[in-house]
mmCIF file of all heavy atoms, coordinates in Angstrom:
data_MODEL
# 
_entry.id   MODEL 
# 
loop_
_atom_site.group_PDB 
_atom_site.id 
_atom_site.type_symbol 
_atom_site.label_atom_id 
_atom_site.label_alt_id 
_atom_site.label_comp_id 
_atom_site.label_asym_id 
_atom_site.label_entity_id 
_atom_site.label_seq_id 
_atom_site.pdbx_PDB_ins_code 
_atom_site.Cartn_x 
_atom_site.Cartn_y 
_atom_site.Cartn_z 
_atom_site.occupancy 
_atom_site.B_iso_or_equiv 
_atom_site.pdbx_formal_charge 
_atom_site.auth_seq_id 
_atom_site.auth_comp_id 
_atom_site.auth_asym_id 
_atom_site.auth_atom_id 
_atom_site.pdbx_PDB_model_num 
ATOM 1   N N   . GLY A 1 1  ? -0.237 21.442 -19.078 1.00 0.00 ? 1  GLY A N   1 
ATOM 2   C CA  . GLY A 1 1  ? 0.559  22.479 -19.755 1.00 0.00 ? 1  GLY A CA  1 
ATOM 3   C C   . GLY A 1 1  ? 1.790  22.777 -18.966 1.00 0.00 ? 1  GLY A C   1 
ATOM 4   O O   . GLY A 1 1  ? 1.786  22.722 -17.726 1.00 0.00 ? 1  GLY A O   1 
ATOM 5   N N   . VAL A 1 2  ? 2.857  23.097 -19.629 1.00 0.00 ? 2  VAL A N   1 
ATOM 6   C CA  . VAL A 1 2  ? 4.126  23.407 -18.965 1.00 0.00 ? 2  VAL A CA  1 
ATOM 7   C C   . VAL A 1 2  ? 3.965  24.658 -18.127 1.00 0.00 ? 2  VAL A C   1 
ATOM 8   O O   . VAL A 1 2  ? 3.372  25.679 -18.580 1.00 0.00 ? 2  VAL A O   1 
ATOM 9   C CB  . VAL A 1 2  ? 5.250  23.570 -19.996 1.00 0.00 ? 2  VAL A CB  1 
ATOM 10  C CG1 . VAL A 1 2  ? 6.524  24.090 -19.358 1.00 0.00 ? 2  VAL A CG1 1 
ATOM 11  C CG2 . VAL A 1 2  ? 5.495  22.292 -20.725 1.00 0.00 ? 2  VAL A CG2 1 
ATOM 12  N N   . VAL A 1 3  ? 4.435  24.602 -16.890 1.00 0.00 ? 3  VAL A N   1 
ATOM 13  C CA  . VAL A 1 3  ? 4.379  25.731 -15.980 1.00 0.00 ? 3  VAL A CA  1 
ATOM 14  C C   . VAL A 1 3  ? 5.735  26.386 -15.972 1.00 0.00 ? 3  VAL A C   1 
ATOM 15  O O   . VAL A 1 3  ? 6.769  25.714 -15.765 1.00 0.00 ? 3  VAL A O   1 
ATOM 16  C CB  . VAL A 1 3  ? 3.998  25.289 -14.540 1.00 0.00 ? 3  VAL A CB  1 
ATOM 17  C CG1 . VAL A 1 3  ? 4.103  26.398 -13.544 1.00 0.00 ? 3  VAL A CG1 1 
ATOM 18  C CG2 . VAL A 1 3  ? 2.615  24.695 -14.548 1.00 0.00 ? 3  VAL A CG2 1 
ATOM 19  N N   . THR A 1 4  ? 5.781  27.691 -16.215 1.00 0.00 ? 4  THR A N   1 
ATOM 20  C CA  . THR A 1 4  ? 7.036  28.405 -16.218 1.00 0.00 ? 4  THR A CA  1 
ATOM 21  C C   . THR A 1 4  ? 7.300  29.203 -14.940 1.00 0.00 ? 4  THR A C   1 
ATOM 22  O O   . THR A 1 4  ? 8.445  29.491 -14.643 1.00 0.00 ? 4  THR A O   1 
ATOM 23  C CB  . THR A 1 4  ? 7.123  29.347 -17.478 1.00 0.00 ? 4  THR A CB  1 
ATOM 24  O OG1 . THR A 1 4  ? 6.031  30.267 -17.386 1.00 0.00 ? 4  THR A OG1 1 
ATOM 25  C CG2 . THR A 1 4  ? 7.114  28.567 -18.732 1.00 0.00 ? 4  THR A CG2 1 
ATOM 26  N N   . GLU A 1 5  ? 6.222  29.534 -14.227 1.00 0.00 ? 5  GLU A N   1 
ATOM 27  C CA  . GLU A 1 5  ? 6.364  30.256 -12.980 1.00 0.00 ? 5  GLU A CA  1 
ATOM 28  C C   . GLU A 1 5  ? 5.510  29.546 -11.917 1.00 0.00 ? 5  GLU A C   1 
ATOM 29  O O   . GLU A 1 5  ? 4.325  29.307 -12.120 1.00 0.00 ? 5  GLU A O   1 
ATOM 30  C CB  . GLU A 1 5  ? 5.914  31.714 -13.098 1.00 0.00 ? 5  GLU A CB  1 
ATOM 31  C CG  . GLU A 1 5  ? 6.818  32.539 -14.023 1.00 0.00 ? 5  GLU A CG  1 
ATOM 32  C CD  . GLU A 1 5  ? 6.402  33.992 -14.034 1.00 0.00 ? 5  GLU A CD  1 
ATOM 33  O OE1 . GLU A 1 5  ? 5.866  34.466 -13.047 1.00 0.00 ? 5  GLU A OE1 1 
ATOM 34  O OE2 . GLU A 1 5  ? 6.637  34.612 -15.091 1.00 0.00 ? 5  GLU A OE2 1 
ATOM 35  N N   . MET A 1 6  ? 6.144  29.223 -10.782 1.00 0.00 ? 6  MET A N   1 
ATOM 36  C CA  . MET A 1 6  ? 5.448  28.510 -9.725  1.00 0.00 ? 6  MET A CA  1 
ATOM 37  C C   . MET A 1 6  ? 5.016  29.490 -8.654  1.00 0.00 ? 6  MET A C   1 
ATOM 38  O O   . MET A 1 6  ? 5.743  30.362 -8.265  1.00 0.00 ? 6  MET A O   1 
ATOM 39  C CB  . MET A 1 6  ? 6.386  27.473 -9.081  1.00 0.00 ? 6  MET A CB  1 
ATOM 40  C CG  . MET A 1 6  ? 6.413  26.136 -9.799  1.00 0.00 ? 6  MET A CG  1 
ATOM 41  S SD  . MET A 1 6  ? 6.986  26.170 -11.497 1.00 0.00 ? 6  MET A SD  1 
ATOM 42  C CE  . MET A 1 6  ? 8.622  26.748 -11.347 1.00 0.00 ? 6  MET A CE  1 
ATOM 43  N N   . THR A 1 7  ? 3.779  29.307 -8.207  1.00 0.00 ? 7  THR A N   1 
ATOM 44  C CA  . THR A 1 7  ? 3.294  30.026 -7.044  1.00 0.00 ? 7  THR A CA  1 
ATOM 45  C C   . THR A 1 7  ? 2.630  29.042 -6.098  1.00 0.00 ? 7  THR A C   1 
ATOM 46  O O   . THR A 1 7  ? 2.019  28.076 -6.566  1.00 0.00 ? 7  THR A O   1 
ATOM 47  C CB  . THR A 1 7  ? 2.292  31.157 -7.423  1.00 0.00 ? 7  THR A CB  1 
ATOM 48  O OG1 . THR A 1 7  ? 1.210  30.538 -8.107  1.00 0.00 ? 7  THR A OG1 1 
ATOM 49  C CG2 . THR A 1 7  ? 2.928  32.199 -8.304  1.00 0.00 ? 7  THR A CG2 1 
ATOM 50  N N   . PRO A 1 8  ? 2.768  29.244 -4.808  1.00 0.00 ? 8  PRO A N   1 
ATOM 51  C CA  . PRO A 1 8  ? 2.130  28.318 -3.844  1.00 0.00 ? 8  PRO A CA  1 
ATOM 52  C C   . PRO A 1 8  ? 0.629  28.166 -4.107  1.00 0.00 ? 8  PRO A C   1 
ATOM 53  O O   . PRO A 1 8  ? -0.005 29.069 -4.608  1.00 0.00 ? 8  PRO A O   1 
ATOM 54  C CB  . PRO A 1 8  ? 2.381  28.968 -2.499  1.00 0.00 ? 8  PRO A CB  1 
ATOM 55  C CG  . PRO A 1 8  ? 3.602  29.819 -2.706  1.00 0.00 ? 8  PRO A CG  1 
ATOM 56  C CD  . PRO A 1 8  ? 3.488  30.313 -4.140  1.00 0.00 ? 8  PRO A CD  1 
ATOM 57  N N   . ASN A 1 9  ? 0.137  27.015 -3.789  1.00 0.00 ? 9  ASN A N   1 
ATOM 58  C CA  . ASN A 1 9  ? -1.263 26.653 -3.899  1.00 0.00 ? 9  ASN A CA  1 
ATOM 59  C C   . ASN A 1 9  ? -1.746 26.412 -5.326  1.00 0.00 ? 9  ASN A C   1 
ATOM 60  O O   . ASN A 1 9  ? -2.925 26.260 -5.557  1.00 0.00 ? 9  ASN A O   1 
ATOM 61  C CB  . ASN A 1 9  ? -2.165 27.684 -3.228  1.00 0.00 ? 9  ASN A CB  1 
ATOM 62  C CG  . ASN A 1 9  ? -1.808 27.843 -1.750  1.00 0.00 ? 9  ASN A CG  1 
ATOM 63  O OD1 . ASN A 1 9  ? -1.565 26.850 -1.060  1.00 0.00 ? 9  ASN A OD1 1 
ATOM 64  N ND2 . ASN A 1 9  ? -1.740 29.058 -1.293  1.00 0.00 ? 9  ASN A ND2 1 
ATOM 65  N N   . GLU A 1 10 ? -0.829 26.375 -6.279  1.00 0.00 ? 10 GLU A N   1 
ATOM 66  C CA  . GLU A 1 10 ? -1.205 25.997 -7.631  1.00 0.00 ? 10 GLU A CA  1 
ATOM 67  C C   . GLU A 1 10 ? -1.216 24.479 -7.716  1.00 0.00 ? 10 GLU A C   1 
ATOM 68  O O   . GLU A 1 10 ? -0.554 23.776 -6.955  1.00 0.00 ? 10 GLU A O   1 
ATOM 69  C CB  . GLU A 1 10 ? -0.219 26.536 -8.675  1.00 0.00 ? 10 GLU A CB  1 
ATOM 70  C CG  . GLU A 1 10 ? -0.441 27.996 -8.981  1.00 0.00 ? 10 GLU A CG  1 
ATOM 71  C CD  . GLU A 1 10 ? 0.368  28.415 -10.177 1.00 0.00 ? 10 GLU A CD  1 
ATOM 72  O OE1 . GLU A 1 10 ? -0.163 28.272 -11.292 1.00 0.00 ? 10 GLU A OE1 1 
ATOM 73  O OE2 . GLU A 1 10 ? 1.495  28.871 -10.005 1.00 0.00 ? 10 GLU A OE2 1 
ATOM 74  N N   . ASP A 1 11 ? -1.956 23.946 -8.682  1.00 0.00 ? 11 ASP A N   1 
ATOM 75  C CA  . ASP A 1 11 ? -1.981 22.520 -8.925  1.00 0.00 ? 11 ASP A CA  1 
ATOM 76  C C   . ASP A 1 11 ? -0.823 22.153 -9.830  1.00 0.00 ? 11 ASP A C   1 
ATOM 77  O O   . ASP A 1 11 ? -0.995 22.004 -11.034 1.00 0.00 ? 11 ASP A O   1 
ATOM 78  C CB  . ASP A 1 11 ? -3.300 22.070 -9.540  1.00 0.00 ? 11 ASP A CB  1 
ATOM 79  C CG  . ASP A 1 11 ? -4.440 22.073 -8.536  1.00 0.00 ? 11 ASP A CG  1 
ATOM 80  O OD1 . ASP A 1 11 ? -4.159 21.909 -7.331  1.00 0.00 ? 11 ASP A OD1 1 
ATOM 81  O OD2 . ASP A 1 11 ? -5.606 22.222 -8.947  1.00 0.00 ? 11 ASP A OD2 1 
ATOM 82  N N   . ILE A 1 12 ? 0.346  21.997 -9.249  1.00 0.00 ? 12 ILE A N   1 
ATOM 83  C CA  . ILE A 1 12 ? 1.556  21.727 -10.033 1.00 0.00 ? 12 ILE A CA  1 
ATOM 84  C C   . ILE A 1 12 ? 2.042  20.323 -9.755  1.00 0.00 ? 12 ILE A C   1 
ATOM 85  O O   . ILE A 1 12 ? 2.048  19.830 -8.622  1.00 0.00 ? 12 ILE A O   1 
ATOM 86  C CB  . ILE A 1 12 ? 2.675  22.740 -9.656  1.00 0.00 ? 12 ILE A CB  1 
ATOM 87  C CG1 . ILE A 1 12 ? 2.231  24.142 -10.064 1.00 0.00 ? 12 ILE A CG1 1 
ATOM 88  C CG2 . ILE A 1 12 ? 3.970  22.356 -10.324 1.00 0.00 ? 12 ILE A CG2 1 
ATOM 89  C CD1 . ILE A 1 12 ? 3.155  25.228 -9.620  1.00 0.00 ? 12 ILE A CD1 1 
ATOM 90  N N   . ALA A 1 13 ? 2.458  19.684 -10.844 1.00 0.00 ? 13 ALA A N   1 
ATOM 91  C CA  . ALA A 1 13 ? 3.042  18.338 -10.752 1.00 0.00 ? 13 ALA A CA  1 
ATOM 92  C C   . ALA A 1 13 ? 4.353  18.309 -11.485 1.00 0.00 ? 13 ALA A C   1 
ATOM 93  O O   . ALA A 1 13 ? 4.584  19.106 -12.425 1.00 0.00 ? 13 ALA A O   1 
ATOM 94  C CB  . ALA A 1 13 ? 2.101  17.276 -11.332 1.00 0.00 ? 13 ALA A CB  1 
ATOM 95  N N   . ILE A 1 14 ? 5.240  17.433 -11.056 1.00 0.00 ? 14 ILE A N   1 
ATOM 96  C CA  . ILE A 1 14 ? 6.490  17.170 -11.751 1.00 0.00 ? 14 ILE A CA  1 
ATOM 97  C C   . ILE A 1 14 ? 6.332  15.792 -12.371 1.00 0.00 ? 14 ILE A C   1 
ATOM 98  O O   . ILE A 1 14 ? 5.980  14.813 -11.682 1.00 0.00 ? 14 ILE A O   1 
ATOM 99  C CB  . ILE A 1 14 ? 7.681  17.231 -10.832 1.00 0.00 ? 14 ILE A CB  1 
ATOM 100 C CG1 . ILE A 1 14 ? 7.696  18.552 -10.079 1.00 0.00 ? 14 ILE A CG1 1 
ATOM 101 C CG2 . ILE A 1 14 ? 8.971  17.044 -11.617 1.00 0.00 ? 14 ILE A CG2 1 
ATOM 102 C CD1 . ILE A 1 14 ? 8.412  18.456 -8.744  1.00 0.00 ? 14 ILE A CD1 1 
ATOM 103 N N   . CYS A 1 15 ? 6.579  15.691 -13.665 1.00 0.00 ? 15 CYS A N   1 
ATOM 104 C CA  . CYS A 1 15 ? 6.339  14.427 -14.382 1.00 0.00 ? 15 CYS A CA  1 
ATOM 105 C C   . CYS A 1 15 ? 7.678  13.971 -15.015 1.00 0.00 ? 15 CYS A C   1 
ATOM 106 O O   . CYS A 1 15 ? 8.451  14.810 -15.486 1.00 0.00 ? 15 CYS A O   1 
ATOM 107 C CB  . CYS A 1 15 ? 5.316  14.594 -15.480 1.00 0.00 ? 15 CYS A CB  1 
ATOM 108 S SG  . CYS A 1 15 ? 3.700  15.136 -14.862 1.00 0.00 ? 15 CYS A SG  1 
ATOM 109 N N   . VAL A 1 16 ? 7.857  12.653 -15.021 1.00 0.00 ? 16 VAL A N   1 
ATOM 110 C CA  . VAL A 1 16 ? 9.027  12.123 -15.670 1.00 0.00 ? 16 VAL A CA  1 
ATOM 111 C C   . VAL A 1 16 ? 8.622  10.856 -16.467 1.00 0.00 ? 16 VAL A C   1 
ATOM 112 O O   . VAL A 1 16 ? 7.697  10.118 -16.080 1.00 0.00 ? 16 VAL A O   1 
ATOM 113 C CB  . VAL A 1 16 ? 10.117 11.711 -14.637 1.00 0.00 ? 16 VAL A CB  1 
ATOM 114 C CG1 . VAL A 1 16 ? 9.686  10.624 -13.694 1.00 0.00 ? 16 VAL A CG1 1 
ATOM 115 C CG2 . VAL A 1 16 ? 11.453 11.376 -15.297 1.00 0.00 ? 16 VAL A CG2 1 
ATOM 116 N N   . ALA A 1 17 ? 9.260  10.697 -17.597 1.00 0.00 ? 17 ALA A N   1 
ATOM 117 C CA  . ALA A 1 17 ? 9.165  9.460  -18.387 1.00 0.00 ? 17 ALA A CA  1 
ATOM 118 C C   . ALA A 1 17 ? 10.571 9.115  -18.846 1.00 0.00 ? 17 ALA A C   1 
ATOM 119 O O   . ALA A 1 17 ? 11.338 9.980  -19.277 1.00 0.00 ? 17 ALA A O   1 
ATOM 120 C CB  . ALA A 1 17 ? 8.244  9.646  -19.598 1.00 0.00 ? 17 ALA A CB  1 
ATOM 121 N N   . ALA A 1 18 ? 10.905 7.841  -18.669 1.00 0.00 ? 18 ALA A N   1 
ATOM 122 C CA  . ALA A 1 18 ? 12.245 7.400  -19.042 1.00 0.00 ? 18 ALA A CA  1 
ATOM 123 C C   . ALA A 1 18 ? 12.212 5.903  -19.300 1.00 0.00 ? 18 ALA A C   1 
ATOM 124 O O   . ALA A 1 18 ? 11.304 5.203  -18.854 1.00 0.00 ? 18 ALA A O   1 
ATOM 125 C CB  . ALA A 1 18 ? 13.241 7.763  -17.979 1.00 0.00 ? 18 ALA A CB  1 
ATOM 126 N N   . TYR A 1 19 ? 13.252 5.430  -19.957 1.00 0.00 ? 19 TYR A N   1 
ATOM 127 C CA  . TYR A 1 19 ? 13.413 4.008  -20.201 1.00 0.00 ? 19 TYR A CA  1 
ATOM 128 C C   . TYR A 1 19 ? 14.522 3.453  -19.354 1.00 0.00 ? 19 TYR A C   1 
ATOM 129 O O   . TYR A 1 19 ? 15.591 4.039  -19.249 1.00 0.00 ? 19 TYR A O   1 
ATOM 130 C CB  . TYR A 1 19 ? 13.752 3.750  -21.680 1.00 0.00 ? 19 TYR A CB  1 
ATOM 131 C CG  . TYR A 1 19 ? 12.622 4.024  -22.604 1.00 0.00 ? 19 TYR A CG  1 
ATOM 132 C CD1 . TYR A 1 19 ? 12.381 5.296  -23.105 1.00 0.00 ? 19 TYR A CD1 1 
ATOM 133 C CD2 . TYR A 1 19 ? 11.765 2.979  -23.030 1.00 0.00 ? 19 TYR A CD2 1 
ATOM 134 C CE1 . TYR A 1 19 ? 11.344 5.562  -23.978 1.00 0.00 ? 19 TYR A CE1 1 
ATOM 135 C CE2 . TYR A 1 19 ? 10.678 3.243  -23.846 1.00 0.00 ? 19 TYR A CE2 1 
ATOM 136 C CZ  . TYR A 1 19 ? 10.500 4.541  -24.341 1.00 0.00 ? 19 TYR A CZ  1 
ATOM 137 O OH  . TYR A 1 19 ? 9.429  4.778  -25.174 1.00 0.00 ? 19 TYR A OH  1 
ATOM 138 N N   . VAL A 1 20 ? 14.225 2.338  -18.693 1.00 0.00 ? 20 VAL A N   1 
ATOM 139 C CA  . VAL A 1 20 ? 15.216 1.569  -17.976 1.00 0.00 ? 20 VAL A CA  1 
ATOM 140 C C   . VAL A 1 20 ? 15.058 0.138  -18.501 1.00 0.00 ? 20 VAL A C   1 
ATOM 141 O O   . VAL A 1 20 ? 13.939 -0.394 -18.492 1.00 0.00 ? 20 VAL A O   1 
ATOM 142 C CB  . VAL A 1 20 ? 15.001 1.612  -16.442 1.00 0.00 ? 20 VAL A CB  1 
ATOM 143 C CG1 . VAL A 1 20 ? 15.943 0.693  -15.719 1.00 0.00 ? 20 VAL A CG1 1 
ATOM 144 C CG2 . VAL A 1 20 ? 15.117 3.044  -15.916 1.00 0.00 ? 20 VAL A CG2 1 
ATOM 145 N N   . GLU A 1 21 ? 16.161 -0.439 -18.991 1.00 0.00 ? 21 GLU A N   1 
ATOM 146 C CA  . GLU A 1 21 ? 16.091 -1.782 -19.575 1.00 0.00 ? 21 GLU A CA  1 
ATOM 147 C C   . GLU A 1 21 ? 15.002 -1.884 -20.628 1.00 0.00 ? 21 GLU A C   1 
ATOM 148 O O   . GLU A 1 21 ? 14.265 -2.864 -20.681 1.00 0.00 ? 21 GLU A O   1 
ATOM 149 C CB  . GLU A 1 21 ? 15.919 -2.848 -18.479 1.00 0.00 ? 21 GLU A CB  1 
ATOM 150 C CG  . GLU A 1 21 ? 17.062 -2.901 -17.502 1.00 0.00 ? 21 GLU A CG  1 
ATOM 151 C CD  . GLU A 1 21 ? 16.873 -3.948 -16.415 1.00 0.00 ? 21 GLU A CD  1 
ATOM 152 O OE1 . GLU A 1 21 ? 15.740 -4.423 -16.231 1.00 0.00 ? 21 GLU A OE1 1 
ATOM 153 O OE2 . GLU A 1 21 ? 17.864 -4.291 -15.770 1.00 0.00 ? 21 GLU A OE2 1 
ATOM 154 N N   . ASP A 1 22 ? 14.874 -0.865 -21.473 1.00 0.00 ? 22 ASP A N   1 
ATOM 155 C CA  . ASP A 1 22 ? 13.877 -0.825 -22.556 1.00 0.00 ? 22 ASP A CA  1 
ATOM 156 C C   . ASP A 1 22 ? 12.440 -0.884 -22.055 1.00 0.00 ? 22 ASP A C   1 
ATOM 157 O O   . ASP A 1 22 ? 11.519 -1.170 -22.845 1.00 0.00 ? 22 ASP A O   1 
ATOM 158 C CB  . ASP A 1 22 ? 14.141 -1.920 -23.571 1.00 0.00 ? 22 ASP A CB  1 
ATOM 159 C CG  . ASP A 1 22 ? 15.427 -1.684 -24.342 1.00 0.00 ? 22 ASP A CG  1 
ATOM 160 O OD1 . ASP A 1 22 ? 15.736 -0.503 -24.635 1.00 0.00 ? 22 ASP A OD1 1 
ATOM 161 O OD2 . ASP A 1 22 ? 16.097 -2.665 -24.651 1.00 0.00 ? 22 ASP A OD2 1 
ATOM 162 N N   . VAL A 1 23 ? 12.221 -0.579 -20.803 1.00 0.00 ? 23 VAL A N   1 
ATOM 163 C CA  . VAL A 1 23 ? 10.863 -0.527 -20.229 1.00 0.00 ? 23 VAL A CA  1 
ATOM 164 C C   . VAL A 1 23 ? 10.584 0.971  -19.988 1.00 0.00 ? 23 VAL A C   1 
ATOM 165 O O   . VAL A 1 23 ? 11.325 1.653  -19.304 1.00 0.00 ? 23 VAL A O   1 
ATOM 166 C CB  . VAL A 1 23 ? 10.728 -1.297 -18.905 1.00 0.00 ? 23 VAL A CB  1 
ATOM 167 C CG1 . VAL A 1 23 ? 9.350  -1.133 -18.339 1.00 0.00 ? 23 VAL A CG1 1 
ATOM 168 C CG2 . VAL A 1 23 ? 11.069 -2.776 -19.134 1.00 0.00 ? 23 VAL A CG2 1 
ATOM 169 N N   . ARG A 1 24 ? 9.488  1.479  -20.592 1.00 0.00 ? 24 ARG A N   1 
ATOM 170 C CA  . ARG A 1 24 ? 9.143  2.892  -20.417 1.00 0.00 ? 24 ARG A CA  1 
ATOM 171 C C   . ARG A 1 24 ? 8.428  3.009  -19.062 1.00 0.00 ? 24 ARG A C   1 
ATOM 172 O O   . ARG A 1 24 ? 7.413  2.399  -18.799 1.00 0.00 ? 24 ARG A O   1 
ATOM 173 C CB  . ARG A 1 24 ? 8.213  3.368  -21.509 1.00 0.00 ? 24 ARG A CB  1 
ATOM 174 C CG  . ARG A 1 24 ? 7.931  4.873  -21.434 1.00 0.00 ? 24 ARG A CG  1 
ATOM 175 C CD  . ARG A 1 24 ? 7.168  5.344  -22.627 1.00 0.00 ? 24 ARG A CD  1 
ATOM 176 N NE  . ARG A 1 24 ? 6.993  6.782  -22.662 1.00 0.00 ? 24 ARG A NE  1 
ATOM 177 C CZ  . ARG A 1 24 ? 5.916  7.403  -22.246 1.00 0.00 ? 24 ARG A CZ  1 
ATOM 178 N NH1 . ARG A 1 24 ? 4.910  6.758  -21.751 1.00 0.00 ? 24 ARG A NH1 1 
ATOM 179 N NH2 . ARG A 1 24 ? 5.877  8.724  -22.287 1.00 0.00 ? 24 ARG A NH2 1 
ATOM 180 N N   . LEU A 1 25 ? 8.996  3.878  -18.226 1.00 0.00 ? 25 LEU A N   1 
ATOM 181 C CA  . LEU A 1 25 ? 8.451  4.102  -16.877 1.00 0.00 ? 25 LEU A CA  1 
ATOM 182 C C   . LEU A 1 25 ? 8.001  5.571  -16.801 1.00 0.00 ? 25 LEU A C   1 
ATOM 183 O O   . LEU A 1 25 ? 8.652  6.468  -17.346 1.00 0.00 ? 25 LEU A O   1 
ATOM 184 C CB  . LEU A 1 25 ? 9.528  3.859  -15.835 1.00 0.00 ? 25 LEU A CB  1 
ATOM 185 C CG  . LEU A 1 25 ? 10.127 2.449  -15.861 1.00 0.00 ? 25 LEU A CG  1 
ATOM 186 C CD1 . LEU A 1 25 ? 11.318 2.383  -14.904 1.00 0.00 ? 25 LEU A CD1 1 
ATOM 187 C CD2 . LEU A 1 25 ? 9.067  1.407  -15.523 1.00 0.00 ? 25 LEU A CD2 1 
# 
């Protein structure tokens, strides 16, 4: 779920998806 407020010790990740040379990474 999208996190709108960060507090230390939470299980937070930053995720990215993008295409480079038509390859989804």
